[in-house]
Amino acid sequence: MSQTLAALQERFDPAAAQGMREVFQFHFSDADDHYVAINDGTLDIQQGEHDDPSVSLSMSTDTLKGIMTGDINGMTAFMTGKLKATGNIMLATKLTELFPKG
């Protein structure tokens, strides 16, 4: 899991996050929960549960890895139940913009 989070840190595009103030909560079925807080071009990744996330995403760590590498289509994962989202679901579609593949 720490490799996936480190990859998120490395791939973060501050320009895509300008003016954005959002929290992505990740609930993993096979690891500890984490959240990603984006505040006007900055990124903060923390372990645990955020008090008021913008969107909550539930999945396995393998599903997140697949989405971030492009091996799994996020919409397909959502439609097939591998990814569950609550809150501002459309915000989840921004993940690939915020964390583009190198």
PDB file of N, CA and C in Angstrom:
ATOM      1  N   MET A   1       0.815  -1.189   0.000  1.00  0.00           N
ATOM      2  CA  MET A   1       0.000   0.000   0.000  1.00  0.00           C
ATOM      3  C   MET A   1       0.861   1.257   0.000  1.00  0.00           C
ATOM      4  N   SER A   2       1.944   1.244   0.751  1.00  0.00           N
ATOM      5  CA  SER A   2       2.781   2.441   0.832  1.00  0.00           C
ATOM      6  C   SER A   2       3.383   2.782  -0.526  1.00  0.00           C
ATOM      7  N   GLN A   3       3.646   1.771  -1.372  1.00  0.00           N
ATOM      8  CA  GLN A   3       4.166   2.030  -2.718  1.00  0.00           C
ATOM      9  C   GLN A   3       3.129   2.780  -3.552  1.00  0.00           C
ATOM     10  N   THR A   4       1.870   2.367  -3.431  1.00  0.00           N
ATOM     11  CA  THR A   4       0.804   3.023  -4.186  1.00  0.00           C
ATOM     12  C   THR A   4       0.661   4.473  -3.742  1.00  0.00           C
ATOM     13  N   LEU A   5       0.705   4.713  -2.448  1.00  0.00           N
ATOM     14  CA  LEU A   5       0.597   6.086  -1.940  1.00  0.00           C
ATOM     15  C   LEU A   5       1.808   6.920  -2.339  1.00  0.00           C
ATOM     16  N   ALA A   6       2.984   6.314  -2.334  1.00  0.00           N
ATOM     17  CA  ALA A   6       4.185   7.029  -2.775  1.00  0.00           C
ATOM     18  C   ALA A   6       4.065   7.378  -4.256  1.00  0.00           C
ATOM     19  N   ALA A   7       3.488   6.479  -5.041  1.00  0.00           N
ATOM     20  CA  ALA A   7       3.287   6.742  -6.469  1.00  0.00           C
ATOM     21  C   ALA A   7       2.319   7.907  -6.658  1.00  0.00           C
ATOM     22  N   LEU A   8       1.288   7.970  -5.834  1.00  0.00           N
ATOM     23  CA  LEU A   8       0.357   9.095  -5.916  1.00  0.00           C
ATOM     24  C   LEU A   8       1.090  10.406  -5.646  1.00  0.00           C
ATOM     25  N   GLN A   9       1.937  10.404  -4.635  1.00  0.00           N
ATOM     26  CA  GLN A   9       2.696  11.604  -4.272  1.00  0.00           C
ATOM     27  C   GLN A   9       3.567  12.036  -5.444  1.00  0.00           C
ATOM     28  N   GLU A  10       4.250  11.079  -6.083  1.00  0.00           N
ATOM     29  CA  GLU A  10       5.153  11.384  -7.187  1.00  0.00           C
ATOM     30  C   GLU A  10       4.405  11.876  -8.419  1.00  0.00           C
ATOM     31  N   ARG A  11       3.224  11.326  -8.678  1.00  0.00           N
ATOM     32  CA  ARG A  11       2.481  11.643  -9.892  1.00  0.00           C
ATOM     33  C   ARG A  11       1.556  12.847  -9.756  1.00  0.00           C
ATOM     34  N   PHE A  12       1.439  13.384  -8.575  1.00  0.00           N
ATOM     35  CA  PHE A  12       0.530  14.506  -8.337  1.00  0.00           C
ATOM     36  C   PHE A  12       0.878  15.685  -9.248  1.00  0.00           C
ATOM     37  N   ASP A  13      -0.144  16.254  -9.884  1.00  0.00           N
ATOM     38  CA  ASP A  13       0.025  17.411 -10.763  1.00  0.00           C
ATOM     39  C   ASP A  13      -0.565  18.645 -10.075  1.00  0.00           C
ATOM     40  N   PRO A  14       0.287  19.476  -9.443  1.00  0.00           N
ATOM     41  CA  PRO A  14      -0.219  20.648  -8.723  1.00  0.00           C
ATOM     42  C   PRO A  14      -1.028  21.595  -9.611  1.00  0.00           C
ATOM     43  N   ALA A  15      -0.654  21.699 -10.883  1.00  0.00           N
ATOM     44  CA  ALA A  15      -1.376  22.601 -11.782  1.00  0.00           C
ATOM     45  C   ALA A  15      -2.830  22.165 -11.954  1.00  0.00           C
ATOM     46  N   ALA A  16      -3.077  20.850 -11.975  1.00  0.00           N
ATOM     47  CA  ALA A  16      -4.443  20.337 -12.123  1.00  0.00           C
ATOM     48  C   ALA A  16      -5.267  20.583 -10.867  1.00  0.00           C
ATOM     49  N   ALA A  17      -4.585  20.850  -9.753  1.00  0.00           N
ATOM     50  CA  ALA A  17      -5.272  21.023  -8.468  1.00  0.00           C
ATOM     51  C   ALA A  17      -5.380  22.487  -8.040  1.00  0.00           C
ATOM     52  N   GLN A  18      -5.032  23.404  -8.913  1.00  0.00           N
ATOM     53  CA  GLN A  18      -5.126  24.825  -8.562  1.00  0.00           C
ATOM     54  C   GLN A  18      -6.577  25.186  -8.260  1.00  0.00           C
ATOM     55  N   GLY A  19      -6.788  25.852  -7.145  1.00  0.00           N
ATOM     56  CA  GLY A  19      -8.126  26.292  -6.763  1.00  0.00           C
ATOM     57  C   GLY A  19      -9.019  25.186  -6.215  1.00  0.00           C
ATOM     58  N   MET A  20      -8.507  23.969  -6.126  1.00  0.00           N
ATOM     59  CA  MET A  20      -9.302  22.838  -5.652  1.00  0.00           C
ATOM     60  C   MET A  20      -9.092  22.644  -4.154  1.00  0.00           C
ATOM     61  N   ARG A  21     -10.173  22.452  -3.443  1.00  0.00           N
ATOM     62  CA  ARG A  21     -10.118  22.140  -2.016  1.00  0.00           C
ATOM     63  C   ARG A  21     -11.048  20.959  -1.786  1.00  0.00           C
ATOM     64  N   GLU A  22     -10.489  19.753  -1.878  1.00  0.00           N
ATOM     65  CA  GLU A  22     -11.290  18.539  -1.800  1.00  0.00           C
ATOM     66  C   GLU A  22     -10.555  17.479  -1.000  1.00  0.00           C
ATOM     67  N   VAL A  23     -11.329  16.552  -0.440  1.00  0.00           N
ATOM     68  CA  VAL A  23     -10.752  15.435   0.293  1.00  0.00           C
ATOM     69  C   VAL A  23     -11.303  14.140  -0.292  1.00  0.00           C
ATOM     70  N   PHE A  24     -10.392  13.275  -0.713  1.00  0.00           N
ATOM     71  CA  PHE A  24     -10.732  11.948  -1.215  1.00  0.00           C
ATOM     72  C   PHE A  24     -10.464  10.943  -0.101  1.00  0.00           C
ATOM     73  N   GLN A  25     -11.506  10.290   0.382  1.00  0.00           N
ATOM     74  CA  GLN A  25     -11.361   9.277   1.431  1.00  0.00           C
ATOM     75  C   GLN A  25     -11.300   7.906   0.764  1.00  0.00           C
ATOM     76  N   PHE A  26     -10.277   7.132   1.086  1.00  0.00           N
ATOM     77  CA  PHE A  26     -10.144   5.776   0.557  1.00  0.00           C
ATOM     78  C   PHE A  26     -10.386   4.772   1.662  1.00  0.00           C
ATOM     79  N   HIS A  27     -11.387   3.922   1.455  1.00  0.00           N
ATOM     80  CA  HIS A  27     -11.660   2.803   2.358  1.00  0.00           C
ATOM     81  C   HIS A  27     -11.214   1.543   1.623  1.00  0.00           C
ATOM     82  N   PHE A  28     -10.178   0.908   2.152  1.00  0.00           N
ATOM     83  CA  PHE A  28      -9.639  -0.284   1.501  1.00  0.00           C
ATOM     84  C   PHE A  28     -10.128  -1.545   2.202  1.00  0.00           C
ATOM     85  N   SER A  29     -10.488  -2.534   1.403  1.00  0.00           N
ATOM     86  CA  SER A  29     -10.963  -3.801   1.964  1.00  0.00           C
ATOM     87  C   SER A  29      -9.811  -4.634   2.503  1.00  0.00           C
ATOM     88  N   ASP A  30      -8.584  -4.309   2.105  1.00  0.00           N
ATOM     89  CA  ASP A  30      -7.434  -5.136   2.473  1.00  0.00           C
ATOM     90  C   ASP A  30      -6.268  -4.319   3.051  1.00  0.00           C
ATOM     91  N   ALA A  31      -6.541  -3.095   3.501  1.00  0.00           N
ATOM     92  CA  ALA A  31      -5.484  -2.249   4.081  1.00  0.00           C
ATOM     93  C   ALA A  31      -6.142  -1.164   4.938  1.00  0.00           C
ATOM     94  N   ASP A  32      -5.313  -0.392   5.629  1.00  0.00           N
ATOM     95  CA  ASP A  32      -5.822   0.712   6.445  1.00  0.00           C
ATOM     96  C   ASP A  32      -6.406   1.807   5.553  1.00  0.00           C
ATOM     97  N   ASP A  33      -7.386   2.520   6.080  1.00  0.00           N
ATOM     98  CA  ASP A  33      -7.989   3.637   5.364  1.00  0.00           C
ATOM     99  C   ASP A  33      -7.002   4.809   5.292  1.00  0.00           C
ATOM    100  N   HIS A  34      -7.096   5.566   4.215  1.00  0.00           N
ATOM    101  CA  HIS A  34      -6.279   6.759   4.015  1.00  0.00           C
ATOM    102  C   HIS A  34      -7.142   7.828   3.378  1.00  0.00           C
ATOM    103  N   TYR A  35      -6.702   9.057   3.500  1.00  0.00           N
ATOM    104  CA  TYR A  35      -7.367  10.119   2.755  1.00  0.00           C
ATOM    105  C   TYR A  35      -6.317  11.022   2.112  1.00  0.00           C
ATOM    106  N   VAL A  36      -6.738  11.632   1.008  1.00  0.00           N
ATOM    107  CA  VAL A  36      -5.906  12.533   0.237  1.00  0.00           C
ATOM    108  C   VAL A  36      -6.587  13.895   0.284  1.00  0.00           C
ATOM    109  N   ALA A  37      -5.914  14.860   0.883  1.00  0.00           N
ATOM    110  CA  ALA A  37      -6.453  16.217   0.967  1.00  0.00           C
ATOM    111  C   ALA A  37      -5.729  17.097  -0.042  1.00  0.00           C
ATOM    112  N   ILE A  38      -6.508  17.746  -0.897  1.00  0.00           N
ATOM    113  CA  ILE A  38      -5.955  18.650  -1.898  1.00  0.00           C
ATOM    114  C   ILE A  38      -6.418  20.060  -1.545  1.00  0.00           C
ATOM    115  N   ASN A  39      -5.446  20.951  -1.427  1.00  0.00           N
ATOM    116  CA  ASN A  39      -5.757  22.331  -1.052  1.00  0.00           C
ATOM    117  C   ASN A  39      -4.986  23.281  -1.962  1.00  0.00           C
ATOM    118  N   ASP A  40      -5.649  23.753  -3.007  1.00  0.00           N
ATOM    119  CA  ASP A  40      -5.091  24.752  -3.917  1.00  0.00           C
ATOM    120  C   ASP A  40      -3.694  24.387  -4.414  1.00  0.00           C
ATOM    121  N   GLY A  41      -3.573  23.213  -5.001  1.00  0.00           N
ATOM    122  CA  GLY A  41      -2.307  22.806  -5.598  1.00  0.00           C
ATOM    123  C   GLY A  41      -1.372  22.050  -4.687  1.00  0.00           C
ATOM    124  N   THR A  42      -1.770  21.828  -3.443  1.00  0.00           N
ATOM    125  CA  THR A  42      -0.933  21.044  -2.531  1.00  0.00           C
ATOM    126  C   THR A  42      -1.616  19.721  -2.222  1.00  0.00           C
ATOM    127  N   LEU A  43      -0.823  18.745  -1.845  1.00  0.00           N
ATOM    128  CA  LEU A  43      -1.307  17.389  -1.577  1.00  0.00           C
ATOM    129  C   LEU A  43      -0.852  16.949  -0.193  1.00  0.00           C
ATOM    130  N   ASP A  44      -1.781  16.359   0.550  1.00  0.00           N
ATOM    131  CA  ASP A  44      -1.467  15.806   1.867  1.00  0.00           C
ATOM    132  C   ASP A  44      -2.136  14.445   1.951  1.00  0.00           C
ATOM    133  N   ILE A  45      -1.335  13.383   2.144  1.00  0.00           N
ATOM    134  CA  ILE A  45      -1.870  12.033   2.267  1.00  0.00           C
ATOM    135  C   ILE A  45      -1.729  11.595   3.720  1.00  0.00           C
ATOM    136  N   GLN A  46      -2.839  11.188   4.316  1.00  0.00           N
ATOM    137  CA  GLN A  46      -2.841  10.793   5.720  1.00  0.00           C
ATOM    138  C   GLN A  46      -3.524   9.441   5.901  1.00  0.00           C
ATOM    139  N   GLN A  47      -3.073   8.708   6.901  1.00  0.00           N
ATOM    140  CA  GLN A  47      -3.740   7.461   7.265  1.00  0.00           C
ATOM    141  C   GLN A  47      -4.932   7.798   8.139  1.00  0.00           C
ATOM    142  N   GLY A  48      -6.006   7.040   7.974  1.00  0.00           N
ATOM    143  CA  GLY A  48      -7.158   7.208   8.844  1.00  0.00           C
ATOM    144  C   GLY A  48      -8.373   7.735   8.118  1.00  0.00           C
ATOM    145  N   GLU A  49      -9.268   8.284   8.916  1.00  0.00           N
ATOM    146  CA  GLU A  49     -10.579   8.733   8.454  1.00  0.00           C
ATOM    147  C   GLU A  49     -10.671  10.254   8.574  1.00  0.00           C
ATOM    148  N   HIS A  50     -11.086  10.919   7.497  1.00  0.00           N
ATOM    149  CA  HIS A  50     -11.285  12.365   7.525  1.00  0.00           C
ATOM    150  C   HIS A  50     -12.687  12.661   8.053  1.00  0.00           C
ATOM    151  N   ASP A  51     -12.846  13.773   8.766  1.00  0.00           N
ATOM    152  CA  ASP A  51     -14.140  14.145   9.351  1.00  0.00           C
ATOM    153  C   ASP A  51     -15.200  14.468   8.306  1.00  0.00           C
ATOM    154  N   ASP A  52     -14.791  15.071   7.189  1.00  0.00           N
ATOM    155  CA  ASP A  52     -15.767  15.543   6.208  1.00  0.00           C
ATOM    156  C   ASP A  52     -15.213  15.420   4.789  1.00  0.00           C
ATOM    157  N   PRO A  53     -15.072  14.185   4.267  1.00  0.00           N
ATOM    158  CA  PRO A  53     -14.515  14.019   2.927  1.00  0.00           C
ATOM    159  C   PRO A  53     -15.482  14.495   1.839  1.00  0.00           C
ATOM    160  N   SER A  54     -14.926  14.944   0.733  1.00  0.00           N
ATOM    161  CA  SER A  54     -15.732  15.352  -0.419  1.00  0.00           C
ATOM    162  C   SER A  54     -16.336  14.131  -1.105  1.00  0.00           C
ATOM    163  N   VAL A  55     -15.537  13.072  -1.190  1.00  0.00           N
ATOM    164  CA  VAL A  55     -15.982  11.818  -1.789  1.00  0.00           C
ATOM    165  C   VAL A  55     -15.301  10.672  -1.050  1.00  0.00           C
ATOM    166  N   SER A  56     -16.035   9.587  -0.846  1.00  0.00           N
ATOM    167  CA  SER A  56     -15.478   8.385  -0.221  1.00  0.00           C
ATOM    168  C   SER A  56     -15.478   7.264  -1.245  1.00  0.00           C
ATOM    169  N   LEU A  57     -14.334   6.606  -1.371  1.00  0.00           N
ATOM    170  CA  LEU A  57     -14.174   5.532  -2.340  1.00  0.00           C
ATOM    171  C   LEU A  57     -13.808   4.254  -1.602  1.00  0.00           C
ATOM    172  N   SER A  58     -14.554   3.195  -1.869  1.00  0.00           N
ATOM    173  CA  SER A  58     -14.293   1.897  -1.243  1.00  0.00           C
ATOM    174  C   SER A  58     -13.866   0.912  -2.313  1.00  0.00           C
ATOM    175  N   MET A  59     -12.726   0.251  -2.075  1.00  0.00           N
ATOM    176  CA  MET A  59     -12.183  -0.697  -3.050  1.00  0.00           C
ATOM    177  C   MET A  59     -11.034  -1.464  -2.420  1.00  0.00           C
ATOM    178  N   SER A  60     -10.477  -2.405  -3.170  1.00  0.00           N
ATOM    179  CA  SER A  60      -9.261  -3.092  -2.728  1.00  0.00           C
ATOM    180  C   SER A  60      -8.057  -2.272  -3.189  1.00  0.00           C
ATOM    181  N   THR A  61      -6.915  -2.536  -2.594  1.00  0.00           N
ATOM    182  CA  THR A  61      -5.705  -1.828  -3.016  1.00  0.00           C
ATOM    183  C   THR A  61      -5.358  -2.193  -4.460  1.00  0.00           C
ATOM    184  N   ASP A  62      -5.630  -3.441  -4.865  1.00  0.00           N
ATOM    185  CA  ASP A  62      -5.354  -3.847  -6.248  1.00  0.00           C
ATOM    186  C   ASP A  62      -6.197  -3.053  -7.236  1.00  0.00           C
ATOM    187  N   THR A  63      -7.446  -2.759  -6.865  1.00  0.00           N
ATOM    188  CA  THR A  63      -8.299  -1.966  -7.750  1.00  0.00           C
ATOM    189  C   THR A  63      -7.729  -0.565  -7.906  1.00  0.00           C
ATOM    190  N   LEU A  64      -7.292   0.051  -6.806  1.00  0.00           N
ATOM    191  CA  LEU A  64      -6.693   1.384  -6.902  1.00  0.00           C
ATOM    192  C   LEU A  64      -5.444   1.349  -7.775  1.00  0.00           C
ATOM    193  N   LYS A  65      -4.586   0.358  -7.559  1.00  0.00           N
ATOM    194  CA  LYS A  65      -3.372   0.245  -8.373  1.00  0.00           C
ATOM    195  C   LYS A  65      -3.734   0.139  -9.843  1.00  0.00           C
ATOM    196  N   GLY A  66      -4.728  -0.690 -10.157  1.00  0.00           N
ATOM    197  CA  GLY A  66      -5.144  -0.888 -11.544  1.00  0.00           C
ATOM    198  C   GLY A  66      -5.688   0.378 -12.171  1.00  0.00           C
ATOM    199  N   ILE A  67      -6.479   1.130 -11.407  1.00  0.00           N
ATOM    200  CA  ILE A  67      -7.029   2.394 -11.918  1.00  0.00           C
ATOM    201  C   ILE A  67      -5.897   3.379 -12.181  1.00  0.00           C
ATOM    202  N   MET A  68      -4.949   3.466 -11.257  1.00  0.00           N
ATOM    203  CA  MET A  68      -3.869   4.436 -11.397  1.00  0.00           C
ATOM    204  C   MET A  68      -2.890   4.066 -12.511  1.00  0.00           C
ATOM    205  N   THR A  69      -2.740   2.771 -12.816  1.00  0.00           N
ATOM    206  CA  THR A  69      -1.847   2.364 -13.905  1.00  0.00           C
ATOM    207  C   THR A  69      -2.566   2.327 -15.237  1.00  0.00           C
ATOM    208  N   GLY A  70      -3.893   2.420 -15.202  1.00  0.00           N
ATOM    209  CA  GLY A  70      -4.658   2.361 -16.441  1.00  0.00           C
ATOM    210  C   GLY A  70      -5.077   0.956 -16.832  1.00  0.00           C
ATOM    211  N   ASP A  71      -4.705  -0.033 -16.018  1.00  0.00           N
ATOM    212  CA  ASP A  71      -5.096  -1.415 -16.309  1.00  0.00           C
ATOM    213  C   ASP A  71      -6.575  -1.653 -16.042  1.00  0.00           C
ATOM    214  N   ILE A  72      -7.160  -0.848 -15.164  1.00  0.00           N
ATOM    215  CA  ILE A  72      -8.583  -0.959 -14.838  1.00  0.00           C
ATOM    216  C   ILE A  72      -9.239   0.389 -15.130  1.00  0.00           C
ATOM    217  N   ASN A  73     -10.327   0.360 -15.861  1.00  0.00           N
ATOM    218  CA  ASN A  73     -11.097   1.571 -16.132  1.00  0.00           C
ATOM    219  C   ASN A  73     -11.920   1.885 -14.889  1.00  0.00           C
ATOM    220  N   GLY A  74     -11.800   3.111 -14.382  1.00  0.00           N
ATOM    221  CA  GLY A  74     -12.501   3.498 -13.163  1.00  0.00           C
ATOM    222  C   GLY A  74     -14.006   3.359 -13.272  1.00  0.00           C
ATOM    223  N   MET A  75     -14.561   3.743 -14.409  1.00  0.00           N
ATOM    224  CA  MET A  75     -16.011   3.639 -14.607  1.00  0.00           C
ATOM    225  C   MET A  75     -16.447   2.182 -14.632  1.00  0.00           C
ATOM    226  N   THR A  76     -15.640   1.338 -15.271  1.00  0.00           N
ATOM    227  CA  THR A  76     -15.955  -0.091 -15.309  1.00  0.00           C
ATOM    228  C   THR A  76     -15.902  -0.678 -13.904  1.00  0.00           C
ATOM    229  N   ALA A  77     -14.894  -0.280 -13.129  1.00  0.00           N
ATOM    230  CA  ALA A  77     -14.777  -0.760 -11.748  1.00  0.00           C
ATOM    231  C   ALA A  77     -16.005  -0.354 -10.942  1.00  0.00           C
ATOM    232  N   PHE A  78     -16.482   0.875 -11.158  1.00  0.00           N
ATOM    233  CA  PHE A  78     -17.668   1.367 -10.463  1.00  0.00           C
ATOM    234  C   PHE A  78     -18.906   0.568 -10.881  1.00  0.00           C
ATOM    235  N   MET A  79     -19.063   0.370 -12.183  1.00  0.00           N
ATOM    236  CA  MET A  79     -20.252  -0.323 -12.704  1.00  0.00           C
ATOM    237  C   MET A  79     -20.291  -1.792 -12.296  1.00  0.00           C
ATOM    238  N   THR A  80     -19.120  -2.403 -12.096  1.00  0.00           N
ATOM    239  CA  THR A  80     -19.073  -3.820 -11.736  1.00  0.00           C
ATOM    240  C   THR A  80     -18.980  -4.046 -10.229  1.00  0.00           C
ATOM    241  N   GLY A  81     -18.999  -2.956  -9.461  1.00  0.00           N
ATOM    242  CA  GLY A  81     -19.002  -3.088  -8.009  1.00  0.00           C
ATOM    243  C   GLY A  81     -17.636  -3.226  -7.373  1.00  0.00           C
ATOM    244  N   LYS A  82     -16.552  -3.147  -8.155  1.00  0.00           N
ATOM    245  CA  LYS A  82     -15.206  -3.206  -7.576  1.00  0.00           C
ATOM    246  C   LYS A  82     -14.852  -1.906  -6.879  1.00  0.00           C
ATOM    247  N   LEU A  83     -15.565  -0.842  -7.248  1.00  0.00           N
ATOM    248  CA  LEU A  83     -15.361   0.476  -6.665  1.00  0.00           C
ATOM    249  C   LEU A  83     -16.720   1.026  -6.263  1.00  0.00           C
ATOM    250  N   LYS A  84     -16.826   1.430  -5.020  1.00  0.00           N
ATOM    251  CA  LYS A  84     -18.057   2.057  -4.539  1.00  0.00           C
ATOM    252  C   LYS A  84     -17.718   3.487  -4.150  1.00  0.00           C
ATOM    253  N   ALA A  85     -18.618   4.416  -4.460  1.00  0.00           N
ATOM    254  CA  ALA A  85     -18.360   5.820  -4.167  1.00  0.00           C
ATOM    255  C   ALA A  85     -19.584   6.463  -3.542  1.00  0.00           C
ATOM    256  N   THR A  86     -19.352   7.341  -2.572  1.00  0.00           N
ATOM    257  CA  THR A  86     -20.415   8.132  -1.967  1.00  0.00           C
ATOM    258  C   THR A  86     -19.926   9.572  -1.865  1.00  0.00           C
ATOM    259  N   GLY A  87     -20.858  10.488  -1.820  1.00  0.00           N
ATOM    260  CA  GLY A  87     -20.500  11.903  -1.785  1.00  0.00           C
ATOM    261  C   GLY A  87     -20.489  12.454  -3.194  1.00  0.00           C
ATOM    262  N   ASN A  88     -19.534  13.328  -3.486  1.00  0.00           N
ATOM    263  CA  ASN A  88     -19.412  13.941  -4.805  1.00  0.00           C
ATOM    264  C   ASN A  88     -18.755  12.943  -5.755  1.00  0.00           C
ATOM    265  N   ILE A  89     -19.579  12.058  -6.311  1.00  0.00           N
ATOM    266  CA  ILE A  89     -19.073  10.960  -7.133  1.00  0.00           C
ATOM    267  C   ILE A  89     -18.330  11.475  -8.366  1.00  0.00           C
ATOM    268  N   MET A  90     -18.783  12.578  -8.945  1.00  0.00           N
ATOM    269  CA  MET A  90     -18.119  13.108 -10.138  1.00  0.00           C
ATOM    270  C   MET A  90     -16.678  13.540  -9.843  1.00  0.00           C
ATOM    271  N   LEU A  91     -16.400  13.851  -8.603  1.00  0.00           N
ATOM    272  CA  LEU A  91     -15.050  14.230  -8.214  1.00  0.00           C
ATOM    273  C   LEU A  91     -14.076  13.073  -8.433  1.00  0.00           C
ATOM    274  N   ALA A  92     -14.553  11.857  -8.278  1.00  0.00           N
ATOM    275  CA  ALA A  92     -13.700  10.679  -8.466  1.00  0.00           C
ATOM    276  C   ALA A  92     -13.136  10.627  -9.879  1.00  0.00           C
ATOM    277  N   THR A  93     -13.859  11.176 -10.841  1.00  0.00           N
ATOM    278  CA  THR A  93     -13.378  11.159 -12.228  1.00  0.00           C
ATOM    279  C   THR A  93     -12.163  12.062 -12.420  1.00  0.00           C
ATOM    280  N   LYS A  94     -11.881  12.922 -11.466  1.00  0.00           N
ATOM    281  CA  LYS A  94     -10.735  13.835 -11.551  1.00  0.00           C
ATOM    282  C   LYS A  94      -9.417  13.170 -11.141  1.00  0.00           C
ATOM    283  N   LEU A  95      -9.485  11.979 -10.573  1.00  0.00           N
ATOM    284  CA  LEU A  95      -8.266  11.334 -10.073  1.00  0.00           C
ATOM    285  C   LEU A  95      -7.200  11.183 -11.147  1.00  0.00           C
ATOM    286  N   THR A  96      -7.602  10.791 -12.364  1.00  0.00           N
ATOM    287  CA  THR A  96      -6.595  10.596 -13.405  1.00  0.00           C
ATOM    288  C   THR A  96      -6.001  11.920 -13.885  1.00  0.00           C
ATOM    289  N   GLU A  97      -6.732  13.023 -13.716  1.00  0.00           N
ATOM    290  CA  GLU A  97      -6.165  14.339 -14.039  1.00  0.00           C
ATOM    291  C   GLU A  97      -5.190  14.781 -12.959  1.00  0.00           C
ATOM    292  N   LEU A  98      -5.546  14.520 -11.712  1.00  0.00           N
ATOM    293  CA  LEU A  98      -4.710  14.936 -10.583  1.00  0.00           C
ATOM    294  C   LEU A  98      -3.444  14.085 -10.463  1.00  0.00           C
ATOM    295  N   PHE A  99      -3.561  12.812 -10.864  1.00  0.00           N
ATOM    296  CA  PHE A  99      -2.440  11.880 -10.757  1.00  0.00           C
ATOM    297  C   PHE A  99      -2.187  11.214 -12.109  1.00  0.00           C
ATOM    298  N   PRO A 100      -1.735  11.986 -13.111  1.00  0.00           N
ATOM    299  CA  PRO A 100      -1.560  11.427 -14.450  1.00  0.00           C
ATOM    300  C   PRO A 100      -0.425  10.399 -14.499  1.00  0.00           C
ATOM    301  N   LYS A 101      -0.539   9.492 -15.449  1.00  0.00           N
ATOM    302  CA  LYS A 101       0.519   8.514 -15.664  1.00  0.00           C
ATOM    303  C   LYS A 101       1.727   9.233 -16.243  1.00  0.00           C
ATOM    304  N   GLY A 102       2.905   8.845 -15.763  1.00  0.00           N
ATOM    305  CA  GLY A 102       4.130   9.493 -16.197  1.00  0.00           C
ATOM    306  C   GLY A 102       4.399   9.297 -17.635  1.00  0.00           C
TER     307      GLY A 102
END
